[in-house]
């Protein structure tokens, strides 16, 4: 019965995802990026719309599963969804041994190759960067270093990595565990210590999972948004779902590599419009560090907005609210119709 319902739901999603507009696009294939075949999907109802390059999170968590939830975005934007090395269909194609160099620097260079491919394929000068969660680590570097390639930067679930100085979310987790009487879990987090730069990949993953399962809103989002999106994805059969999850585990090795970065040392000056749209109740990447960083940023245009009733995965829990922010704040700037700043 469960599998029958899943089949019906997937079939319904597939029908709703059809793009038949005369100036639309719906193509996906493996592209040779960074020496390996990587999956790139391009979808949208009008090729004259701004082109978004999504930088997904995880690490290893392809955004392809969220397409049914973000279908309306494709009426206003052409969206490029790229499964990074270690993620989704890219991981499925080559397996663990076929992912090549698993470093943040290699992912960054991959992103630049994907950018150049999309610009040539669609004939557009610049792309709109939209990064979420762990992808914001790479997204910030792209936006900061290559204003000639990107029309604006939008970060959701924005990570602000400061070399391990800010331990507020760590302390908040300990407080939640103590209040809930979870002595065993609290002892494990205490044993890890607040210095994220010293964590192993396993500890980094354990911390994230503990945060998710101890916050009611985040845990509910995992069940009702993330898990349901995986289970009903029209793009993934059961075997491919298993591969998807294996890719996430494989990609955990990227997590600790980000902990030694210092965003402020890399720079707060951006030469592209800069937007942060954050879940108001996010406990995994709290909004306070993101807001503090935002206040230090200089950019031609910048804006910060909280999405109420959202924790992590804010854009996918409330895709309509996120789209409204994209249409009212970002799209006018990108297409050049916004009032210029004084």
C-alpha atoms as a PDB file:
ATOM      1  CA  UNK A   1       0.000   0.000   0.000  1.00  0.00           C
ATOM      2  CA  UNK A   2       2.823   2.392   0.941  1.00  0.00           C
ATOM      3  CA  UNK A   3       4.698   1.721  -2.297  1.00  0.00           C
ATOM      4  CA  UNK A   4       1.496   2.125  -4.314  1.00  0.00           C
ATOM      5  CA  UNK A   5       0.861   5.533  -2.756  1.00  0.00           C
ATOM      6  CA  UNK A   6       4.482   6.477  -3.430  1.00  0.00           C
ATOM      7  CA  UNK A   7       4.130   5.484  -7.087  1.00  0.00           C
ATOM      8  CA  UNK A   8       0.958   7.557  -7.473  1.00  0.00           C
ATOM      9  CA  UNK A   9       2.539  10.565  -5.786  1.00  0.00           C
ATOM     10  CA  UNK A  10       5.668  10.349  -7.953  1.00  0.00           C
ATOM     11  CA  UNK A  11       3.530  10.093 -11.065  1.00  0.00           C
ATOM     12  CA  UNK A  12       1.565  13.181 -10.025  1.00  0.00           C
ATOM     13  CA  UNK A  13       4.784  15.109  -9.384  1.00  0.00           C
ATOM     14  CA  UNK A  14       6.184  14.078 -12.760  1.00  0.00           C
ATOM     15  CA  UNK A  15       3.044  15.341 -14.500  1.00  0.00           C
ATOM     16  CA  UNK A  16       3.177  18.679 -12.685  1.00  0.00           C
ATOM     17  CA  UNK A  17       6.854  19.103 -13.550  1.00  0.00           C
ATOM     18  CA  UNK A  18       6.358  18.959 -17.305  1.00  0.00           C
ATOM     19  CA  UNK A  19       7.531  22.097 -19.060  1.00  0.00           C
ATOM     20  CA  UNK A  20       5.673  22.713 -22.315  1.00  0.00           C
ATOM     21  CA  UNK A  21       6.115  26.459 -22.736  1.00  0.00           C
ATOM     22  CA  UNK A  22       7.500  27.288 -26.203  1.00  0.00           C
ATOM     23  CA  UNK A  23      10.450  29.217 -24.772  1.00  0.00           C
ATOM     24  CA  UNK A  24      11.012  26.837 -21.870  1.00  0.00           C
ATOM     25  CA  UNK A  25      13.826  24.430 -21.175  1.00  0.00           C
ATOM     26  CA  UNK A  26      14.011  21.054 -19.447  1.00  0.00           C
ATOM     27  CA  UNK A  27      17.288  19.270 -19.964  1.00  0.00           C
ATOM     28  CA  UNK A  28      19.632  17.269 -17.785  1.00  0.00           C
ATOM     29  CA  UNK A  29      22.809  15.355 -18.494  1.00  0.00           C
ATOM     30  CA  UNK A  30      26.287  14.532 -17.295  1.00  0.00           C
ATOM     31  CA  UNK A  31      28.844  17.228 -18.054  1.00  0.00           C
ATOM     32  CA  UNK A  32      32.593  16.710 -17.755  1.00  0.00           C
ATOM     33  CA  UNK A  33      33.518  18.960 -14.846  1.00  0.00           C
ATOM     34  CA  UNK A  34      36.791  18.795 -12.936  1.00  0.00           C
ATOM     35  CA  UNK A  35      37.784  15.563 -14.614  1.00  0.00           C
ATOM     36  CA  UNK A  36      34.630  13.612 -13.727  1.00  0.00           C
ATOM     37  CA  UNK A  37      31.071  13.411 -15.038  1.00  0.00           C
ATOM     38  CA  UNK A  38      28.763  15.648 -12.986  1.00  0.00           C
ATOM     39  CA  UNK A  39      24.984  15.950 -13.255  1.00  0.00           C
ATOM     40  CA  UNK A  40      23.580  19.297 -14.366  1.00  0.00           C
ATOM     41  CA  UNK A  41      19.852  20.008 -14.738  1.00  0.00           C
ATOM     42  CA  UNK A  42      18.436  23.151 -16.377  1.00  0.00           C
ATOM     43  CA  UNK A  43      14.729  23.899 -16.032  1.00  0.00           C
ATOM     44  CA  UNK A  44      12.529  26.935 -16.602  1.00  0.00           C
ATOM     45  CA  UNK A  45       9.450  28.117 -18.459  1.00  0.00           C
ATOM     46  CA  UNK A  46      11.019  31.113 -20.184  1.00  0.00           C
ATOM     47  CA  UNK A  47      14.646  31.366 -21.236  1.00  0.00           C
ATOM     48  CA  UNK A  48      14.409  35.148 -21.072  1.00  0.00           C
ATOM     49  CA  UNK A  49      14.157  34.909 -17.265  1.00  0.00           C
ATOM     50  CA  UNK A  50      17.213  35.368 -15.023  1.00  0.00           C
ATOM     51  CA  UNK A  51      19.291  32.201 -14.662  1.00  0.00           C
ATOM     52  CA  UNK A  52      19.851  30.845 -11.163  1.00  0.00           C
ATOM     53  CA  UNK A  53      22.771  28.580 -10.297  1.00  0.00           C
ATOM     54  CA  UNK A  54      21.879  26.683  -7.125  1.00  0.00           C
ATOM     55  CA  UNK A  55      24.725  25.690  -4.808  1.00  0.00           C
ATOM     56  CA  UNK A  56      23.248  22.917  -2.696  1.00  0.00           C
ATOM     57  CA  UNK A  57      24.028  22.014   0.875  1.00  0.00           C
ATOM     58  CA  UNK A  58      24.619  18.845   2.841  1.00  0.00           C
ATOM     59  CA  UNK A  59      27.382  18.394   2.022  1.00  0.00           C
ATOM     60  CA  UNK A  60      26.246  15.865  -0.548  1.00  0.00           C
ATOM     61  CA  UNK A  61      22.530  16.802  -0.460  1.00  0.00           C
ATOM     62  CA  UNK A  62      21.371  17.456  -4.028  1.00  0.00           C
ATOM     63  CA  UNK A  63      18.496  19.915  -4.381  1.00  0.00           C
ATOM     64  CA  UNK A  64      16.966  17.828  -7.158  1.00  0.00           C
ATOM     65  CA  UNK A  65      14.572  16.237  -4.646  1.00  0.00           C
ATOM     66  CA  UNK A  66      13.030  19.642  -3.894  1.00  0.00           C
ATOM     67  CA  UNK A  67      11.995  20.415  -7.484  1.00  0.00           C
ATOM     68  CA  UNK A  68       8.297  19.553  -6.852  1.00  0.00           C
ATOM     69  CA  UNK A  69       8.276  21.995  -3.915  1.00  0.00           C
ATOM     70  CA  UNK A  70       9.949  24.762  -5.917  1.00  0.00           C
ATOM     71  CA  UNK A  71       8.108  24.248  -9.201  1.00  0.00           C
ATOM     72  CA  UNK A  72       6.632  27.774  -9.142  1.00  0.00           C
ATOM     73  CA  UNK A  73      10.141  29.255  -9.040  1.00  0.00           C
ATOM     74  CA  UNK A  74      10.614  28.017 -12.593  1.00  0.00           C
ATOM     75  CA  UNK A  75       7.955  30.410 -13.890  1.00  0.00           C
ATOM     76  CA  UNK A  76      10.164  33.356 -12.975  1.00  0.00           C
ATOM     77  CA  UNK A  77      13.691  31.939 -13.198  1.00  0.00           C
ATOM     78  CA  UNK A  78      15.617  29.391 -15.216  1.00  0.00           C
ATOM     79  CA  UNK A  79      17.170  27.171 -12.554  1.00  0.00           C
ATOM     80  CA  UNK A  80      20.409  25.229 -12.863  1.00  0.00           C
ATOM     81  CA  UNK A  81      20.631  22.442 -10.307  1.00  0.00           C
ATOM     82  CA  UNK A  82      24.059  20.863 -10.101  1.00  0.00           C
ATOM     83  CA  UNK A  83      24.846  17.660  -8.196  1.00  0.00           C
ATOM     84  CA  UNK A  84      28.346  18.325  -6.851  1.00  0.00           C
ATOM     85  CA  UNK A  85      30.999  15.654  -6.695  1.00  0.00           C
ATOM     86  CA  UNK A  86      29.937  13.322  -3.901  1.00  0.00           C
ATOM     87  CA  UNK A  87      26.255  14.180  -4.296  1.00  0.00           C
ATOM     88  CA  UNK A  88      23.162  12.768  -5.941  1.00  0.00           C
ATOM     89  CA  UNK A  89      23.493  11.520  -9.494  1.00  0.00           C
ATOM     90  CA  UNK A  90      27.149  12.531  -9.678  1.00  0.00           C
ATOM     91  CA  UNK A  91      27.929  10.183  -6.798  1.00  0.00           C
ATOM     92  CA  UNK A  92      25.683   7.498  -8.280  1.00  0.00           C
ATOM     93  CA  UNK A  93      27.523   7.601 -11.602  1.00  0.00           C
ATOM     94  CA  UNK A  94      31.039   7.144 -10.279  1.00  0.00           C
ATOM     95  CA  UNK A  95      30.637   5.706  -6.810  1.00  0.00           C
ATOM     96  CA  UNK A  96      33.058   6.557  -3.996  1.00  0.00           C
ATOM     97  CA  UNK A  97      36.102   5.715  -6.087  1.00  0.00           C
ATOM     98  CA  UNK A  98      35.004   7.935  -8.967  1.00  0.00           C
ATOM     99  CA  UNK A  99      34.585  11.241  -7.148  1.00  0.00           C
ATOM    100  CA  UNK A 100      38.181  12.349  -7.457  1.00  0.00           C
ATOM    101  CA  UNK A 101      39.564  15.048  -5.180  1.00  0.00           C
ATOM    102  CA  UNK A 102      37.105  15.708  -2.340  1.00  0.00           C
ATOM    103  CA  UNK A 103      38.134  19.138  -1.150  1.00  0.00           C
ATOM    104  CA  UNK A 104      36.342  22.455  -0.832  1.00  0.00           C
ATOM    105  CA  UNK A 105      38.896  24.006  -3.159  1.00  0.00           C
ATOM    106  CA  UNK A 106      38.076  21.423  -5.830  1.00  0.00           C
ATOM    107  CA  UNK A 107      34.324  22.038  -5.364  1.00  0.00           C
ATOM    108  CA  UNK A 108      34.978  25.755  -5.773  1.00  0.00           C
ATOM    109  CA  UNK A 109      36.827  25.177  -9.044  1.00  0.00           C
ATOM    110  CA  UNK A 110      34.056  22.813 -10.174  1.00  0.00           C
ATOM    111  CA  UNK A 111      31.508  25.574  -9.552  1.00  0.00           C
ATOM    112  CA  UNK A 112      33.457  27.935 -11.787  1.00  0.00           C
ATOM    113  CA  UNK A 113      33.514  25.293 -14.541  1.00  0.00           C
ATOM    114  CA  UNK A 114      29.758  24.766 -14.191  1.00  0.00           C
ATOM    115  CA  UNK A 115      29.273  28.535 -14.349  1.00  0.00           C
ATOM    116  CA  UNK A 116      31.228  28.793 -17.583  1.00  0.00           C
ATOM    117  CA  UNK A 117      29.359  25.843 -19.081  1.00  0.00           C
ATOM    118  CA  UNK A 118      25.945  27.375 -18.273  1.00  0.00           C
ATOM    119  CA  UNK A 119      26.928  30.809 -19.557  1.00  0.00           C
ATOM    120  CA  UNK A 120      27.972  29.299 -22.867  1.00  0.00           C
ATOM    121  CA  UNK A 121      25.029  26.900 -23.067  1.00  0.00           C
ATOM    122  CA  UNK A 122      22.395  29.594 -22.403  1.00  0.00           C
ATOM    123  CA  UNK A 123      24.242  32.574 -23.823  1.00  0.00           C
ATOM    124  CA  UNK A 124      23.984  34.697 -20.684  1.00  0.00           C
ATOM    125  CA  UNK A 125      26.745  36.933 -19.289  1.00  0.00           C
ATOM    126  CA  UNK A 126      26.122  36.331 -15.577  1.00  0.00           C
ATOM    127  CA  UNK A 127      24.246  33.950 -13.300  1.00  0.00           C
ATOM    128  CA  UNK A 128      22.294  34.592 -10.113  1.00  0.00           C
ATOM    129  CA  UNK A 129      23.915  32.625  -7.286  1.00  0.00           C
ATOM    130  CA  UNK A 130      21.481  31.041  -4.824  1.00  0.00           C
ATOM    131  CA  UNK A 131      23.209  28.982  -2.140  1.00  0.00           C
ATOM    132  CA  UNK A 132      21.742  27.133   0.817  1.00  0.00           C
ATOM    133  CA  UNK A 133      23.204  25.622   3.977  1.00  0.00           C
ATOM    134  CA  UNK A 134      26.679  24.104   3.467  1.00  0.00           C
ATOM    135  CA  UNK A 135      26.628  25.401  -0.100  1.00  0.00           C
ATOM    136  CA  UNK A 136      26.830  28.960   1.211  1.00  0.00           C
ATOM    137  CA  UNK A 137      30.477  28.354   2.143  1.00  0.00           C
ATOM    138  CA  UNK A 138      31.304  27.959  -1.541  1.00  0.00           C
ATOM    139  CA  UNK A 139      28.672  30.502  -2.587  1.00  0.00           C
ATOM    140  CA  UNK A 140      30.237  33.333  -0.608  1.00  0.00           C
ATOM    141  CA  UNK A 141      33.654  32.678  -2.138  1.00  0.00           C
ATOM    142  CA  UNK A 142      32.235  32.659  -5.657  1.00  0.00           C
ATOM    143  CA  UNK A 143      30.328  35.910  -5.139  1.00  0.00           C
ATOM    144  CA  UNK A 144      33.257  37.602  -3.431  1.00  0.00           C
ATOM    145  CA  UNK A 145      35.870  36.637  -6.009  1.00  0.00           C
ATOM    146  CA  UNK A 146      33.974  36.709  -9.314  1.00  0.00           C
ATOM    147  CA  UNK A 147      31.564  39.633  -9.707  1.00  0.00           C
ATOM    148  CA  UNK A 148      32.095  39.368 -13.467  1.00  0.00           C
ATOM    149  CA  UNK A 149      30.331  35.980 -13.466  1.00  0.00           C
ATOM    150  CA  UNK A 150      27.416  36.593 -11.089  1.00  0.00           C
ATOM    151  CA  UNK A 151      24.622  39.156 -11.032  1.00  0.00           C
ATOM    152  CA  UNK A 152      23.847  38.785  -7.288  1.00  0.00           C
ATOM    153  CA  UNK A 153      24.271  36.489  -4.313  1.00  0.00           C
ATOM    154  CA  UNK A 154      21.400  35.031  -2.291  1.00  0.00           C
ATOM    155  CA  UNK A 155      22.235  32.976   0.799  1.00  0.00           C
ATOM    156  CA  UNK A 156      19.716  30.893   2.730  1.00  0.00           C
ATOM    157  CA  UNK A 157      20.621  28.933   5.886  1.00  0.00           C
ATOM    158  CA  UNK A 158      23.779  31.020   5.629  1.00  0.00           C
ATOM    159  CA  UNK A 159      26.885  29.586   7.284  1.00  0.00           C
ATOM    160  CA  UNK A 160      29.195  32.179   8.768  1.00  0.00           C
ATOM    161  CA  UNK A 161      32.499  30.468   9.456  1.00  0.00           C
ATOM    162  CA  UNK A 162      34.831  32.468  11.670  1.00  0.00           C
ATOM    163  CA  UNK A 163      37.616  30.007  12.406  1.00  0.00           C
ATOM    164  CA  UNK A 164      35.736  28.606  15.393  1.00  0.00           C
ATOM    165  CA  UNK A 165      35.468  31.782  17.459  1.00  0.00           C
ATOM    166  CA  UNK A 166      31.673  31.840  17.756  1.00  0.00           C
ATOM    167  CA  UNK A 167      30.487  28.997  19.998  1.00  0.00           C
ATOM    168  CA  UNK A 168      26.983  30.326  20.670  1.00  0.00           C
ATOM    169  CA  UNK A 169      25.143  27.579  18.753  1.00  0.00           C
ATOM    170  CA  UNK A 170      27.254  24.945  20.508  1.00  0.00           C
ATOM    171  CA  UNK A 171      26.337  26.386  23.913  1.00  0.00           C
ATOM    172  CA  UNK A 172      22.674  26.616  22.883  1.00  0.00           C
ATOM    173  CA  UNK A 173      22.693  22.917  21.978  1.00  0.00           C
ATOM    174  CA  UNK A 174      24.153  22.003  25.371  1.00  0.00           C
ATOM    175  CA  UNK A 175      21.416  24.057  27.055  1.00  0.00           C
ATOM    176  CA  UNK A 176      18.669  22.296  25.068  1.00  0.00           C
ATOM    177  CA  UNK A 177      20.107  18.890  25.913  1.00  0.00           C
ATOM    178  CA  UNK A 178      20.322  19.755  29.595  1.00  0.00           C
ATOM    179  CA  UNK A 179      16.752  21.058  29.654  1.00  0.00           C
ATOM    180  CA  UNK A 180      15.536  17.883  27.925  1.00  0.00           C
ATOM    181  CA  UNK A 181      17.435  15.680  30.374  1.00  0.00           C
ATOM    182  CA  UNK A 182      19.441  14.036  27.585  1.00  0.00           C
ATOM    183  CA  UNK A 183      22.526  13.292  29.656  1.00  0.00           C
ATOM    184  CA  UNK A 184      24.125  10.804  27.273  1.00  0.00           C
ATOM    185  CA  UNK A 185      23.817  13.096  24.254  1.00  0.00           C
ATOM    186  CA  UNK A 186      25.030  16.084  26.260  1.00  0.00           C
ATOM    187  CA  UNK A 187      28.079  14.152  27.444  1.00  0.00           C
ATOM    188  CA  UNK A 188      28.923  13.259  23.854  1.00  0.00           C
ATOM    189  CA  UNK A 189      28.712  16.875  22.714  1.00  0.00           C
ATOM    190  CA  UNK A 190      30.739  18.031  25.726  1.00  0.00           C
ATOM    191  CA  UNK A 191      33.423  15.481  24.891  1.00  0.00           C
ATOM    192  CA  UNK A 192      33.734  16.966  21.407  1.00  0.00           C
ATOM    193  CA  UNK A 193      34.428  20.414  22.831  1.00  0.00           C
ATOM    194  CA  UNK A 194      33.457  23.772  21.301  1.00  0.00           C
ATOM    195  CA  UNK A 195      36.484  23.965  18.975  1.00  0.00           C
ATOM    196  CA  UNK A 196      35.015  22.822  15.667  1.00  0.00           C
ATOM    197  CA  UNK A 197      38.402  22.970  13.967  1.00  0.00           C
ATOM    198  CA  UNK A 198      39.408  19.921  16.029  1.00  0.00           C
ATOM    199  CA  UNK A 199      36.348  17.821  15.121  1.00  0.00           C
ATOM    200  CA  UNK A 200      36.556  14.739  12.944  1.00  0.00           C
ATOM    201  CA  UNK A 201      34.108  14.216  10.078  1.00  0.00           C
ATOM    202  CA  UNK A 202      32.161  11.819  12.298  1.00  0.00           C
ATOM    203  CA  UNK A 203      31.952  14.385  15.111  1.00  0.00           C
ATOM    204  CA  UNK A 204      30.918  17.106  12.679  1.00  0.00           C
ATOM    205  CA  UNK A 205      28.098  14.866  11.448  1.00  0.00           C
ATOM    206  CA  UNK A 206      27.106  13.801  14.959  1.00  0.00           C
ATOM    207  CA  UNK A 207      26.811  17.423  16.040  1.00  0.00           C
ATOM    208  CA  UNK A 208      24.548  18.318  13.085  1.00  0.00           C
ATOM    209  CA  UNK A 209      22.312  15.302  13.655  1.00  0.00           C
ATOM    210  CA  UNK A 210      22.000  16.127  17.360  1.00  0.00           C
ATOM    211  CA  UNK A 211      21.007  19.704  16.566  1.00  0.00           C
ATOM    212  CA  UNK A 212      18.361  18.520  14.100  1.00  0.00           C
ATOM    213  CA  UNK A 213      16.793  15.943  16.430  1.00  0.00           C
ATOM    214  CA  UNK A 214      16.701  18.160  19.523  1.00  0.00           C
ATOM    215  CA  UNK A 215      14.883  21.130  18.012  1.00  0.00           C
ATOM    216  CA  UNK A 216      11.161  20.445  17.374  1.00  0.00           C
ATOM    217  CA  UNK A 217      10.795  22.744  14.355  1.00  0.00           C
ATOM    218  CA  UNK A 218      13.973  21.514  12.683  1.00  0.00           C
ATOM    219  CA  UNK A 219      13.067  17.892  13.320  1.00  0.00           C
ATOM    220  CA  UNK A 220       9.581  18.451  11.931  1.00  0.00           C
ATOM    221  CA  UNK A 221      11.099  20.054   8.843  1.00  0.00           C
ATOM    222  CA  UNK A 222      13.358  17.059   8.352  1.00  0.00           C
ATOM    223  CA  UNK A 223      10.368  14.709   8.464  1.00  0.00           C
ATOM    224  CA  UNK A 224       7.762  16.696   6.550  1.00  0.00           C
ATOM    225  CA  UNK A 225       9.973  18.478   4.021  1.00  0.00           C
ATOM    226  CA  UNK A 226      13.289  16.683   3.548  1.00  0.00           C
ATOM    227  CA  UNK A 227      12.317  13.036   4.060  1.00  0.00           C
ATOM    228  CA  UNK A 228       9.013  13.413   2.186  1.00  0.00           C
ATOM    229  CA  UNK A 229      10.816  15.126  -0.699  1.00  0.00           C
ATOM    230  CA  UNK A 230      13.260  12.242  -0.867  1.00  0.00           C
ATOM    231  CA  UNK A 231      10.587   9.550  -0.650  1.00  0.00           C
ATOM    232  CA  UNK A 232       8.329  11.071  -3.307  1.00  0.00           C
ATOM    233  CA  UNK A 233      11.023  12.365  -5.657  1.00  0.00           C
ATOM    234  CA  UNK A 234      10.045  11.564  -9.243  1.00  0.00           C
ATOM    235  CA  UNK A 235      13.720  11.638 -10.189  1.00  0.00           C
ATOM    236  CA  UNK A 236      14.861   8.839  -7.865  1.00  0.00           C
ATOM    237  CA  UNK A 237      13.902   5.177  -7.653  1.00  0.00           C
ATOM    238  CA  UNK A 238      14.566   3.242  -4.445  1.00  0.00           C
ATOM    239  CA  UNK A 239      18.058   2.261  -5.516  1.00  0.00           C
ATOM    240  CA  UNK A 240      18.873   5.855  -6.364  1.00  0.00           C
ATOM    241  CA  UNK A 241      17.573   7.015  -2.970  1.00  0.00           C
ATOM    242  CA  UNK A 242      19.993   4.635  -1.269  1.00  0.00           C
ATOM    243  CA  UNK A 243      22.786   6.039  -3.399  1.00  0.00           C
ATOM    244  CA  UNK A 244      21.690   9.571  -2.516  1.00  0.00           C
ATOM    245  CA  UNK A 245      22.046   8.836   1.207  1.00  0.00           C
ATOM    246  CA  UNK A 246      25.380   7.077   0.708  1.00  0.00           C
ATOM    247  CA  UNK A 247      26.606  10.157  -1.097  1.00  0.00           C
ATOM    248  CA  UNK A 248      25.732  12.321   1.879  1.00  0.00           C
ATOM    249  CA  UNK A 249      27.691  10.049   4.210  1.00  0.00           C
ATOM    250  CA  UNK A 250      30.621   9.987   1.787  1.00  0.00           C
ATOM    251  CA  UNK A 251      30.598  13.793   1.518  1.00  0.00           C
ATOM    252  CA  UNK A 252      30.782  14.346   5.277  1.00  0.00           C
ATOM    253  CA  UNK A 253      34.552  14.578   4.841  1.00  0.00           C
ATOM    254  CA  UNK A 254      34.017  18.082   3.436  1.00  0.00           C
ATOM    255  CA  UNK A 255      32.414  19.317   6.670  1.00  0.00           C
ATOM    256  CA  UNK A 256      35.499  19.729   8.854  1.00  0.00           C
ATOM    257  CA  UNK A 257      37.371  21.376   5.983  1.00  0.00           C
ATOM    258  CA  UNK A 258      35.067  24.379   6.297  1.00  0.00           C
ATOM    259  CA  UNK A 259      35.612  24.901  10.026  1.00  0.00           C
ATOM    260  CA  UNK A 260      39.011  26.539   9.605  1.00  0.00           C
ATOM    261  CA  UNK A 261      37.757  29.205   7.193  1.00  0.00           C
ATOM    262  CA  UNK A 262      37.321  32.787   8.343  1.00  0.00           C
ATOM    263  CA  UNK A 263      34.754  34.681   6.273  1.00  0.00           C
ATOM    264  CA  UNK A 264      35.733  38.050   7.655  1.00  0.00           C
ATOM    265  CA  UNK A 265      39.397  37.464   6.876  1.00  0.00           C
ATOM    266  CA  UNK A 266      38.435  36.504   3.316  1.00  0.00           C
ATOM    267  CA  UNK A 267      36.567  39.782   3.037  1.00  0.00           C
ATOM    268  CA  UNK A 268      33.254  41.537   3.612  1.00  0.00           C
ATOM    269  CA  UNK A 269      33.409  43.657   0.441  1.00  0.00           C
ATOM    270  CA  UNK A 270      31.171  42.318  -2.328  1.00  0.00           C
ATOM    271  CA  UNK A 271      30.863  43.869  -5.761  1.00  0.00           C
ATOM    272  CA  UNK A 272      27.524  42.182  -6.449  1.00  0.00           C
ATOM    273  CA  UNK A 273      24.116  42.724  -4.803  1.00  0.00           C
ATOM    274  CA  UNK A 274      24.041  40.704  -1.599  1.00  0.00           C
ATOM    275  CA  UNK A 275      20.963  39.113   0.005  1.00  0.00           C
ATOM    276  CA  UNK A 276      20.485  36.852   3.026  1.00  0.00           C
ATOM    277  CA  UNK A 277      17.069  35.225   3.582  1.00  0.00           C
ATOM    278  CA  UNK A 278      17.194  33.246   6.795  1.00  0.00           C
ATOM    279  CA  UNK A 279      14.916  31.027   8.833  1.00  0.00           C
ATOM    280  CA  UNK A 280      13.979  33.047  11.922  1.00  0.00           C
ATOM    281  CA  UNK A 281      14.211  29.968  14.157  1.00  0.00           C
ATOM    282  CA  UNK A 282      17.237  28.280  12.580  1.00  0.00           C
ATOM    283  CA  UNK A 283      19.338  26.539  15.250  1.00  0.00           C
ATOM    284  CA  UNK A 284      21.793  24.817  12.904  1.00  0.00           C
ATOM    285  CA  UNK A 285      22.968  28.035  11.235  1.00  0.00           C
ATOM    286  CA  UNK A 286      21.456  30.672  13.553  1.00  0.00           C
ATOM    287  CA  UNK A 287      20.376  34.007  12.072  1.00  0.00           C
ATOM    288  CA  UNK A 288      22.329  36.144  14.568  1.00  0.00           C
ATOM    289  CA  UNK A 289      25.835  35.442  13.157  1.00  0.00           C
ATOM    290  CA  UNK A 290      24.441  35.859   9.640  1.00  0.00           C
ATOM    291  CA  UNK A 291      22.932  39.232  10.553  1.00  0.00           C
ATOM    292  CA  UNK A 292      26.175  40.417  12.167  1.00  0.00           C
ATOM    293  CA  UNK A 293      28.126  39.451   9.060  1.00  0.00           C
ATOM    294  CA  UNK A 294      25.515  41.104   6.844  1.00  0.00           C
ATOM    295  CA  UNK A 295      25.869  44.374   8.751  1.00  0.00           C
ATOM    296  CA  UNK A 296      29.612  44.371   7.990  1.00  0.00           C
ATOM    297  CA  UNK A 297      29.134  43.656   4.287  1.00  0.00           C
ATOM    298  CA  UNK A 298      29.534  46.396   1.727  1.00  0.00           C
ATOM    299  CA  UNK A 299      27.735  45.754  -1.566  1.00  0.00           C
ATOM    300  CA  UNK A 300      26.029  47.769  -4.346  1.00  0.00           C
ATOM    301  CA  UNK A 301      22.687  46.626  -2.898  1.00  0.00           C
ATOM    302  CA  UNK A 302      22.082  44.475   0.150  1.00  0.00           C
ATOM    303  CA  UNK A 303      19.087  43.177   2.078  1.00  0.00           C
ATOM    304  CA  UNK A 304      18.392  40.823   4.954  1.00  0.00           C
ATOM    305  CA  UNK A 305      15.082  39.120   5.717  1.00  0.00           C
ATOM    306  CA  UNK A 306      13.867  36.559   8.216  1.00  0.00           C
ATOM    307  CA  UNK A 307      11.404  33.847   7.192  1.00  0.00           C
ATOM    308  CA  UNK A 308       9.115  33.353  10.163  1.00  0.00           C
ATOM    309  CA  UNK A 309       8.047  29.839  11.092  1.00  0.00           C
ATOM    310  CA  UNK A 310      11.171  28.407   9.506  1.00  0.00           C
ATOM    311  CA  UNK A 311      14.268  26.810  10.899  1.00  0.00           C
ATOM    312  CA  UNK A 312      16.922  25.282   8.662  1.00  0.00           C
ATOM    313  CA  UNK A 313      15.814  24.519   5.071  1.00  0.00           C
ATOM    314  CA  UNK A 314      13.815  27.753   5.174  1.00  0.00           C
ATOM    315  CA  UNK A 315      13.563  28.097   1.396  1.00  0.00           C
ATOM    316  CA  UNK A 316      12.122  24.603   1.061  1.00  0.00           C
ATOM    317  CA  UNK A 317       9.788  24.685   4.058  1.00  0.00           C
ATOM    318  CA  UNK A 318       8.243  27.923   2.810  1.00  0.00           C
ATOM    319  CA  UNK A 319       9.038  28.026  -0.930  1.00  0.00           C
ATOM    320  CA  UNK A 320       6.292  30.581  -1.637  1.00  0.00           C
ATOM    321  CA  UNK A 321       7.660  33.041   0.928  1.00  0.00           C
ATOM    322  CA  UNK A 322      11.168  32.563  -0.411  1.00  0.00           C
ATOM    323  CA  UNK A 323       9.925  33.136  -3.958  1.00  0.00           C
ATOM    324  CA  UNK A 324       8.172  36.319  -2.839  1.00  0.00           C
ATOM    325  CA  UNK A 325      11.484  37.614  -1.471  1.00  0.00           C
ATOM    326  CA  UNK A 326      13.206  36.660  -4.711  1.00  0.00           C
ATOM    327  CA  UNK A 327      10.581  38.484  -6.781  1.00  0.00           C
ATOM    328  CA  UNK A 328      10.293  41.632  -4.666  1.00  0.00           C
ATOM    329  CA  UNK A 329      13.916  42.106  -3.612  1.00  0.00           C
ATOM    330  CA  UNK A 330      16.231  40.209  -5.948  1.00  0.00           C
ATOM    331  CA  UNK A 331      14.704  39.944  -9.421  1.00  0.00           C
ATOM    332  CA  UNK A 332      14.178  43.711  -9.849  1.00  0.00           C
ATOM    333  CA  UNK A 333      17.845  44.310  -9.046  1.00  0.00           C
ATOM    334  CA  UNK A 334      19.056  41.548 -11.346  1.00  0.00           C
ATOM    335  CA  UNK A 335      16.988  42.683 -14.327  1.00  0.00           C
ATOM    336  CA  UNK A 336      17.924  46.310 -13.695  1.00  0.00           C
ATOM    337  CA  UNK A 337      14.526  47.717 -12.776  1.00  0.00           C
ATOM    338  CA  UNK A 338      15.202  48.455  -9.119  1.00  0.00           C
ATOM    339  CA  UNK A 339      15.872  51.976  -7.928  1.00  0.00           C
ATOM    340  CA  UNK A 340      19.575  52.588  -7.737  1.00  0.00           C
ATOM    341  CA  UNK A 341      20.940  53.171  -4.209  1.00  0.00           C
ATOM    342  CA  UNK A 342      21.728  56.715  -3.264  1.00  0.00           C
END
